Amino acid sequence: MGNKTKLAVGLDLGSTSTRVVICALEDESLRFLGYGEGPVHAWNRSRLADQGALTQSIRFALHEAELRAQASPESAVIGIGGCVSGVNSRGVYEFGRRREIEADDLRYAVELAARVRLEEDRQVLQICPQDFTLDGRAGYRNPKGILCARLEANVHVVTVSMQDHEGLVSAVHQAHLAVDESVFEPIAAAYAAILPEDRARGVALIDIGAQSTHLAVYDGDALLHATSIPVGADHFTRDVSWLLKVNYEDAENLKREYGCAVTGTGSDNSLVEIPSAEGRGMREAPRRQLNEILEARAEEIFERIYAEILRVGMEQSLLEGAVLTGGGSMLTGMCDMAERILNCQARNGLAAGIDAWPKDLDNAVWTTAAGLAMYSGRLKMKRDWKRAPSGLAGIALR
């Protein structure tokens, strides 16, 4: 790999696995080079509980990716999940006289909008511009060059726990990797799985991780709402373990092999073998019993997501439906349950836009890592932009 090759690297810090994607930036396109994955036992209820264990997982995944890519990256864009929330804000910039709007004016108006009052342990993760209002006229997406005297910026400010964020960044640094940017995971996943024109028509990206579920709602290609829900795929497994009286590993296997998030299918009438404790024989239970357990938890997740969609008035405006990513979306029937509760079409979100993307990674588990690598590539292409703190690259990466 030549020294002049620019690398775009995405680092997905998941609750059960750390995933790395390395791409080469060639002109204005990305070419896949390699990937790595490492198991991790560093999280507890979406909180980083063991920073050292996360660092070891990053090193393992990065080493695998470097061997496949035959390249050694120095930095990466990392994904952030867990306790993330978002709020809409407005910044007003009075010129004092009518004049043409310049690019610096847009950035300054966005900075004003980003000055929201935060709780003591919160920090701004990303600032996502929505649109601009000029002299009371709303709906401008890029008003550069237009005459006005009063410029208002409407933005969505995504915030995260300062302690959690610092812990993640520190773990990455200890793995000898710099952090170019930290991005809310569903925003990164949407970057890979949803076309700009689809975001413009209204869409919800639902990233179902092991310990939490993350939501990003788009309309008019602007982020309207971002939030986290403290329920994920791990809760399905725990429910099965408790109600069927099996250990956690057996519950996970039952969920993966026989589970479905909806009941009423023909397979409900079949029997499945239920592992028993040592010294006891195998048991049998109707498959419907397993699916009823999973269906109840799936209903809870999507009902909570629907409540968030109602908050921003998008319940009848998701013309492109819901896009599901993350390991939890791989459970059979999740798209069917999403359509039932959210009353819109639903599909699994697969990565698109990276040349030579391998078929082995063509599933919803790797979408976030792919999106982070794409984000990294766009950052490097926009290096000449005047960067402001707290992720103002959102202006450049819309």
Protein backbone atom coordinates (compact mmCIF):
# COMPACT_ATOMS: atom_id res chain seq x y z
CA MET A 1 0.00 0.00 0.00
CA GLY A 2 1.58 3.27 -1.09
CA ASN A 3 2.27 5.99 1.40
CA LYS A 4 0.10 8.43 -0.55
CA THR A 5 -3.05 6.31 -0.24
CA LYS A 6 -5.59 7.99 2.02
CA LEU A 7 -7.41 5.62 4.35
CA ALA A 8 -10.99 5.99 5.53
CA VAL A 9 -11.62 3.98 8.69
CA GLY A 10 -14.83 3.26 10.57
CA LEU A 11 -14.78 1.86 14.12
CA ASP A 12 -18.06 0.49 15.47
CA LEU A 13 -17.80 0.05 19.24
CA GLY A 14 -20.67 -2.38 19.77
CA SER A 15 -21.80 -3.96 23.01
CA THR A 16 -20.85 -7.50 21.98
CA SER A 17 -18.37 -6.94 19.12
CA THR A 18 -15.93 -4.28 17.96
CA ARG A 19 -15.93 -3.92 14.17
CA VAL A 20 -13.42 -2.10 11.97
CA VAL A 21 -13.71 -1.30 8.26
CA ILE A 22 -10.74 0.08 6.32
CA CYS A 23 -11.24 1.67 2.89
CA ALA A 24 -9.00 3.48 0.41
CA LEU A 25 -10.05 6.95 -0.68
CA GLU A 26 -9.64 7.13 -4.45
CA ASP A 27 -10.68 10.43 -6.03
CA GLU A 28 -14.21 10.80 -4.65
CA SER A 29 -14.99 7.12 -4.12
CA LEU A 30 -14.19 4.51 -1.49
CA ARG A 31 -12.73 1.07 -2.18
CA PHE A 32 -12.97 -1.63 0.46
CA LEU A 33 -9.63 -2.94 1.74
CA GLY A 34 -10.26 -4.97 4.87
CA TYR A 35 -12.24 -5.56 8.02
CA GLY A 36 -11.75 -6.90 11.53
CA GLU A 37 -14.00 -8.00 14.37
CA GLY A 38 -13.23 -8.66 18.00
CA PRO A 39 -15.44 -9.89 20.87
CA VAL A 40 -15.85 -7.49 23.75
CA HIS A 41 -17.05 -7.81 27.35
CA ALA A 42 -16.73 -4.20 28.44
CA TRP A 43 -20.29 -2.96 28.62
CA ASN A 44 -23.03 -3.03 31.25
CA ARG A 45 -26.46 -1.61 30.40
CA SER A 46 -25.09 0.56 27.60
CA ARG A 47 -22.37 1.97 29.87
CA LEU A 48 -18.65 1.36 29.43
CA ALA A 49 -17.72 -0.70 32.49
CA ASP A 50 -14.21 -1.89 31.52
CA GLN A 51 -12.13 0.50 29.44
CA GLY A 52 -9.16 -1.88 29.31
CA ALA A 53 -11.29 -4.69 27.87
CA LEU A 54 -12.58 -2.35 25.16
CA THR A 55 -9.03 -1.33 24.26
CA GLN A 56 -8.02 -4.98 23.91
CA SER A 57 -11.01 -5.63 21.65
CA ILE A 58 -10.15 -2.62 19.47
CA ARG A 59 -6.55 -3.83 19.13
CA PHE A 60 -7.69 -7.31 18.15
CA ALA A 61 -10.19 -6.07 15.54
CA LEU A 62 -7.75 -3.48 14.20
CA HIS A 63 -4.98 -6.07 13.84
CA GLU A 64 -7.29 -8.33 11.82
CA ALA A 65 -8.32 -5.43 9.60
CA GLU A 66 -4.72 -4.31 9.03
CA LEU A 67 -3.68 -7.82 7.98
CA ARG A 68 -6.50 -8.02 5.44
CA ALA A 69 -6.05 -4.46 4.18
CA GLN A 70 -2.23 -4.53 4.19
CA ALA A 71 -2.42 -1.01 5.60
CA SER A 72 -1.99 0.61 9.01
CA PRO A 73 -4.40 3.48 9.68
CA GLU A 74 -3.54 6.24 12.11
CA SER A 75 -7.07 7.48 12.84
CA ALA A 76 -10.72 6.53 12.58
CA VAL A 77 -14.26 7.82 12.91
CA ILE A 78 -15.93 6.09 15.87
CA GLY A 79 -19.58 5.33 16.55
CA ILE A 80 -21.29 6.42 19.76
CA GLY A 81 -24.44 4.83 21.17
CA GLY A 82 -25.75 4.38 24.69
CA CYS A 83 -27.34 7.33 26.46
CA VAL A 84 -27.71 9.73 23.54
CA SER A 85 -30.45 12.32 23.13
CA GLY A 86 -31.26 15.17 20.79
CA VAL A 87 -33.01 18.53 20.96
CA ASN A 88 -34.09 21.07 18.33
CA SER A 89 -32.65 24.56 18.70
CA ARG A 90 -32.66 27.88 16.86
CA GLY A 91 -29.94 30.49 16.50
CA VAL A 92 -30.65 34.09 15.41
CA TYR A 93 -28.02 36.24 13.69
CA GLU A 94 -29.01 39.88 13.17
CA PHE A 95 -26.93 41.57 10.45
CA GLY A 96 -28.21 45.09 11.16
CA ARG A 97 -28.66 45.73 7.44
CA ARG A 98 -29.57 43.76 4.36
CA ARG A 99 -26.60 42.06 2.73
CA GLU A 100 -25.63 38.84 1.00
CA ILE A 101 -25.28 35.74 3.17
CA GLU A 102 -21.79 34.25 3.21
CA ALA A 103 -20.68 30.74 4.20
CA ASP A 104 -19.21 32.08 7.47
CA ASP A 105 -22.61 33.59 8.32
CA LEU A 106 -24.25 30.18 8.00
CA ARG A 107 -21.66 28.59 10.25
CA TYR A 108 -21.97 31.33 12.84
CA ALA A 109 -25.78 31.05 12.91
CA VAL A 110 -25.42 27.30 13.43
CA GLU A 111 -22.93 27.91 16.26
CA LEU A 112 -25.44 30.23 17.93
CA ALA A 113 -28.14 27.57 17.65
CA ALA A 114 -25.81 25.01 19.19
CA ARG A 115 -25.42 27.02 22.39
CA VAL A 116 -28.00 25.02 24.31
CA ARG A 117 -28.01 24.64 28.07
CA LEU A 118 -26.77 21.17 28.96
CA GLU A 119 -26.83 19.12 32.12
CA GLU A 120 -23.53 18.92 33.98
CA ASP A 121 -22.47 15.55 32.53
CA ARG A 122 -23.60 16.19 28.94
CA GLN A 123 -21.67 17.40 25.93
CA VAL A 124 -22.53 18.15 22.31
CA LEU A 125 -21.82 15.18 20.06
CA GLN A 126 -23.12 16.49 16.73
CA ILE A 127 -24.80 19.58 15.36
CA CYS A 128 -27.10 18.71 12.46
CA PRO A 129 -28.42 21.73 10.50
CA GLN A 130 -32.01 21.40 9.36
CA ASP A 131 -32.82 24.61 7.47
CA PHE A 132 -32.59 28.40 7.65
CA THR A 133 -35.14 31.20 8.02
CA LEU A 134 -34.47 34.52 6.24
CA ASP A 135 -36.34 37.63 7.45
CA GLY A 136 -39.16 35.40 8.69
CA ARG A 137 -39.34 33.23 5.54
CA ALA A 138 -38.63 29.61 6.44
CA GLY A 139 -37.44 26.56 4.56
CA TYR A 140 -34.11 27.59 2.98
CA ARG A 141 -31.60 24.75 2.79
CA ASN A 142 -28.55 26.63 1.46
CA PRO A 143 -29.23 30.39 1.33
CA LYS A 144 -25.68 31.46 0.56
CA GLY A 145 -25.72 34.60 -1.61
CA ILE A 146 -29.30 35.64 -0.78
CA LEU A 147 -29.97 39.11 0.64
CA CYS A 148 -31.42 39.38 4.14
CA ALA A 149 -31.05 41.25 7.44
CA ARG A 150 -31.98 38.44 9.88
CA LEU A 151 -30.68 34.89 9.57
CA GLU A 152 -32.05 32.06 11.72
CA ALA A 153 -30.55 28.57 11.81
CA ASN A 154 -32.64 25.57 12.84
CA VAL A 155 -30.53 22.66 14.04
CA HIS A 156 -30.82 19.38 15.88
CA VAL A 157 -28.24 19.12 18.66
CA VAL A 158 -27.24 15.56 19.58
CA THR A 159 -25.77 15.20 23.07
CA VAL A 160 -24.04 12.39 24.93
CA SER A 161 -22.73 11.66 28.42
CA MET A 162 -19.37 13.38 28.78
CA GLN A 163 -18.00 10.57 30.94
CA ASP A 164 -19.05 7.88 28.46
CA HIS A 165 -17.64 9.81 25.51
CA GLU A 166 -14.30 10.44 27.20
CA GLY A 167 -14.05 6.78 28.16
CA LEU A 168 -14.57 5.64 24.57
CA VAL A 169 -12.10 8.13 23.11
CA SER A 170 -9.52 7.17 25.73
CA ALA A 171 -9.95 3.46 24.94
CA VAL A 172 -9.37 4.17 21.23
CA HIS A 173 -6.29 6.27 22.00
CA GLN A 174 -4.87 3.47 24.14
CA ALA A 175 -5.21 1.22 21.09
CA HIS A 176 -2.85 3.67 19.33
CA LEU A 177 -5.54 5.13 17.09
CA ALA A 178 -6.55 8.79 16.85
CA VAL A 179 -10.22 9.83 16.71
CA ASP A 180 -11.15 12.02 13.74
CA GLU A 181 -14.77 12.39 14.75
CA SER A 182 -17.39 10.67 16.91
CA VAL A 183 -20.77 10.05 15.29
CA PHE A 184 -24.13 8.89 16.64
CA GLU A 185 -24.45 5.32 15.32
CA PRO A 186 -27.81 5.55 13.48
CA ILE A 187 -26.63 8.71 11.71
CA ALA A 188 -23.64 6.73 10.45
CA ALA A 189 -25.84 3.77 9.50
CA ALA A 190 -28.19 6.08 7.62
CA TYR A 191 -25.19 7.45 5.75
CA ALA A 192 -24.54 3.97 4.34
CA ALA A 193 -28.05 2.54 3.97
CA ILE A 194 -30.28 5.45 2.94
CA LEU A 195 -29.96 7.62 -0.16
CA PRO A 196 -30.28 11.41 0.28
CA GLU A 197 -33.47 11.45 -1.79
CA ASP A 198 -34.98 8.82 0.51
CA ARG A 199 -34.10 10.90 3.59
CA ALA A 200 -35.79 13.85 1.90
CA ARG A 201 -39.06 11.93 1.63
CA GLY A 202 -39.13 10.91 5.29
CA VAL A 203 -37.50 7.85 6.84
CA ALA A 204 -36.61 6.43 10.26
CA LEU A 205 -33.33 4.59 10.87
CA ILE A 206 -33.66 2.11 13.75
CA ASP A 207 -30.40 0.60 14.96
CA ILE A 208 -31.12 -2.32 17.32
CA GLY A 209 -28.00 -3.14 19.30
CA ALA A 210 -27.43 -5.64 22.06
CA GLN A 211 -28.23 -3.36 25.00
CA SER A 212 -30.01 -0.37 23.45
CA THR A 213 -31.91 0.76 20.39
CA HIS A 214 -31.09 4.01 18.60
CA LEU A 215 -33.38 6.10 16.43
CA ALA A 216 -32.77 8.81 13.82
CA VAL A 217 -35.76 10.37 12.03
CA TYR A 218 -35.21 12.28 8.79
CA ASP A 219 -37.43 14.54 6.72
CA GLY A 220 -36.38 16.84 3.91
CA ASP A 221 -32.86 15.34 4.20
CA ALA A 222 -32.64 16.91 7.67
CA LEU A 223 -32.34 15.12 11.00
CA LEU A 224 -35.52 15.85 12.95
CA HIS A 225 -35.00 13.65 15.99
CA ALA A 226 -32.29 11.46 17.53
CA THR A 227 -32.61 9.41 20.68
CA SER A 228 -31.72 6.14 22.43
CA ILE A 229 -34.03 3.58 24.03
CA PRO A 230 -32.52 1.36 26.76
CA VAL A 231 -33.93 -1.88 25.30
CA GLY A 232 -32.11 -4.10 22.82
CA ALA A 233 -31.46 -7.62 21.57
CA ASP A 234 -30.02 -8.70 24.92
CA HIS A 235 -33.45 -8.21 26.51
CA PHE A 236 -34.98 -10.75 24.09
CA THR A 237 -32.45 -13.34 25.20
CA ARG A 238 -32.93 -12.60 28.89
CA ASP A 239 -36.70 -12.97 28.52
CA VAL A 240 -36.28 -16.37 26.87
CA SER A 241 -33.80 -17.46 29.53
CA TRP A 242 -36.09 -16.48 32.39
CA LEU A 243 -39.41 -17.72 31.03
CA LEU A 244 -38.17 -21.00 29.50
CA LYS A 245 -35.83 -21.72 32.43
CA VAL A 246 -32.64 -22.13 30.38
CA ASN A 247 -29.20 -20.58 30.70
CA TYR A 248 -28.31 -17.45 28.74
CA GLU A 249 -26.25 -19.20 26.04
CA ASP A 250 -28.99 -21.75 25.34
CA ALA A 251 -31.57 -18.95 25.22
CA GLU A 252 -29.48 -17.10 22.63
CA ASN A 253 -29.23 -20.25 20.51
CA LEU A 254 -32.98 -20.85 20.72
CA LYS A 255 -33.67 -17.27 19.70
CA ARG A 256 -31.33 -17.42 16.71
CA GLU A 257 -32.34 -20.87 15.46
CA TYR A 258 -36.07 -21.00 16.08
CA GLY A 259 -37.17 -17.51 17.13
CA CYS A 260 -39.52 -15.14 15.32
CA ALA A 261 -40.74 -11.71 16.41
CA VAL A 262 -44.31 -12.40 15.27
CA THR A 263 -46.66 -15.28 16.00
CA GLY A 264 -49.26 -16.77 13.71
CA THR A 265 -46.93 -18.49 11.26
CA GLY A 266 -47.25 -22.15 10.30
CA SER A 267 -44.15 -23.05 12.27
CA ASP A 268 -45.84 -22.03 15.56
CA ASN A 269 -47.36 -25.50 15.84
CA SER A 270 -44.02 -27.33 15.76
CA LEU A 271 -42.08 -28.39 18.85
CA VAL A 272 -38.55 -27.32 19.75
CA GLU A 273 -36.13 -29.01 22.10
CA ILE A 274 -35.43 -27.01 25.24
CA PRO A 275 -32.04 -27.70 26.86
CA SER A 276 -32.14 -28.67 30.52
CA ALA A 277 -29.68 -28.50 33.36
CA GLU A 278 -27.06 -31.24 33.62
CA GLY A 279 -28.56 -34.50 34.84
CA ARG A 280 -31.99 -33.81 33.37
CA GLY A 281 -33.34 -34.94 30.03
CA MET A 282 -34.26 -32.68 27.12
CA ARG A 283 -37.64 -31.01 27.20
CA GLU A 284 -39.95 -29.95 24.40
CA ALA A 285 -42.07 -26.83 24.10
CA PRO A 286 -44.30 -25.41 21.37
CA ARG A 287 -42.39 -23.02 19.13
CA ARG A 288 -45.29 -20.63 19.60
CA GLN A 289 -44.35 -20.26 23.28
CA LEU A 290 -40.86 -19.07 22.29
CA ASN A 291 -42.24 -16.69 19.69
CA GLU A 292 -44.78 -15.19 22.08
CA ILE A 293 -41.94 -14.22 24.40
CA LEU A 294 -40.02 -12.58 21.55
CA GLU A 295 -43.13 -10.92 20.12
CA ALA A 296 -43.91 -9.18 23.41
CA ARG A 297 -40.43 -7.63 23.62
CA ALA A 298 -40.46 -6.64 19.92
CA GLU A 299 -43.82 -4.91 20.43
CA GLU A 300 -42.37 -2.94 23.33
CA ILE A 301 -39.39 -1.73 21.31
CA PHE A 302 -41.43 -0.57 18.34
CA GLU A 303 -44.15 0.98 20.49
CA ARG A 304 -41.49 3.09 22.20
CA ILE A 305 -40.06 4.02 18.82
CA TYR A 306 -43.53 4.97 17.59
CA ALA A 307 -43.97 7.23 20.61
CA GLU A 308 -40.75 9.05 19.61
CA ILE A 309 -41.97 9.37 16.01
CA LEU A 310 -45.24 10.84 17.30
CA ARG A 311 -43.26 13.47 19.23
CA VAL A 312 -42.01 14.98 15.97
CA GLY A 313 -45.27 14.52 14.06
CA MET A 314 -43.87 12.06 11.52
CA GLU A 315 -46.30 9.18 12.10
CA GLN A 316 -47.91 9.72 8.66
CA SER A 317 -44.90 11.16 6.84
CA LEU A 318 -42.41 8.29 6.69
CA LEU A 319 -42.88 7.78 2.97
CA GLU A 320 -39.69 5.70 2.77
CA GLY A 321 -40.64 3.78 5.90
CA ALA A 322 -38.32 2.37 8.53
CA VAL A 323 -34.83 0.99 7.93
CA LEU A 324 -33.57 -1.55 10.49
CA THR A 325 -29.89 -2.13 11.24
CA GLY A 326 -27.87 -3.74 14.01
CA GLY A 327 -27.69 -7.30 15.29
CA GLY A 328 -31.16 -7.13 16.83
CA SER A 329 -32.73 -6.49 13.43
CA MET A 330 -31.55 -9.91 12.23
CA LEU A 331 -34.25 -11.70 14.24
CA THR A 332 -36.83 -13.16 11.88
CA GLY A 333 -40.04 -11.12 11.78
CA MET A 334 -38.61 -7.79 13.00
CA CYS A 335 -39.52 -5.99 9.78
CA ASP A 336 -43.05 -7.44 9.99
CA MET A 337 -43.41 -6.20 13.55
CA ALA A 338 -42.08 -2.77 12.57
CA GLU A 339 -44.68 -2.49 9.82
CA ARG A 340 -47.45 -3.56 12.20
CA ILE A 341 -46.62 -1.01 14.91
CA LEU A 342 -45.20 1.89 12.88
CA ASN A 343 -47.77 1.58 10.08
CA CYS A 344 -45.21 2.00 7.31
CA GLN A 345 -43.01 -0.20 5.17
CA ALA A 346 -39.85 -1.60 6.77
CA ARG A 347 -36.65 -3.16 5.46
CA ASN A 348 -33.19 -4.16 6.64
CA GLY A 349 -30.56 -1.50 5.94
CA LEU A 350 -27.57 -2.76 3.96
CA ALA A 351 -24.43 -0.80 3.18
CA ALA A 352 -24.15 0.75 -0.28
CA GLY A 353 -21.63 3.12 -1.81
CA ILE A 354 -18.33 1.30 -1.13
CA ASP A 355 -16.64 -0.37 -4.09
CA ALA A 356 -15.75 -4.06 -3.69
CA TRP A 357 -17.86 -4.40 -0.53
CA PRO A 358 -17.69 -8.15 0.28
CA LYS A 359 -20.79 -10.34 0.27
CA ASP A 360 -19.79 -11.76 3.66
CA LEU A 361 -20.44 -8.33 5.20
CA ASP A 362 -23.64 -7.64 3.27
CA ASN A 363 -25.91 -7.68 6.30
CA ALA A 364 -27.38 -5.22 8.76
CA VAL A 365 -24.72 -5.95 11.42
CA TRP A 366 -21.97 -4.22 9.39
CA THR A 367 -23.98 -1.23 8.16
CA THR A 368 -22.87 1.10 10.95
CA ALA A 369 -19.17 0.31 10.47
CA ALA A 370 -19.55 0.92 6.73
CA GLY A 371 -21.30 4.23 7.37
CA LEU A 372 -18.54 5.33 9.74
CA ALA A 373 -15.92 4.55 7.07
CA MET A 374 -17.94 6.55 4.52
CA TYR A 375 -18.17 9.42 6.98
CA SER A 376 -14.41 9.23 7.46
CA GLY A 377 -13.91 9.44 3.71
CA ARG A 378 -16.13 12.51 3.40
CA LEU A 379 -14.26 14.19 6.25
CA LYS A 380 -10.98 13.73 4.41
CA MET A 381 -12.49 15.07 1.19
CA LYS A 382 -13.79 18.14 3.09
CA ARG A 383 -10.49 18.82 4.86
CA ASP A 384 -10.34 22.36 3.46
CA TRP A 385 -13.55 23.33 5.26
CA LYS A 386 -13.17 25.59 8.27
CA ARG A 387 -13.85 23.15 11.08
CA ALA A 388 -15.51 24.18 14.31
CA PRO A 389 -15.64 22.11 17.50
CA SER A 390 -18.40 19.67 18.40
CA GLY A 391 -18.95 18.15 14.99
CA LEU A 392 -19.87 21.11 12.81
CA ALA A 393 -18.71 18.96 9.92
CA GLY A 394 -22.43 18.14 9.76
CA ILE A 395 -22.76 21.19 7.53
CA ALA A 396 -20.33 19.63 5.06
CA LEU A 397 -21.68 16.07 5.35
CA ARG A 398 -25.35 16.64 4.74
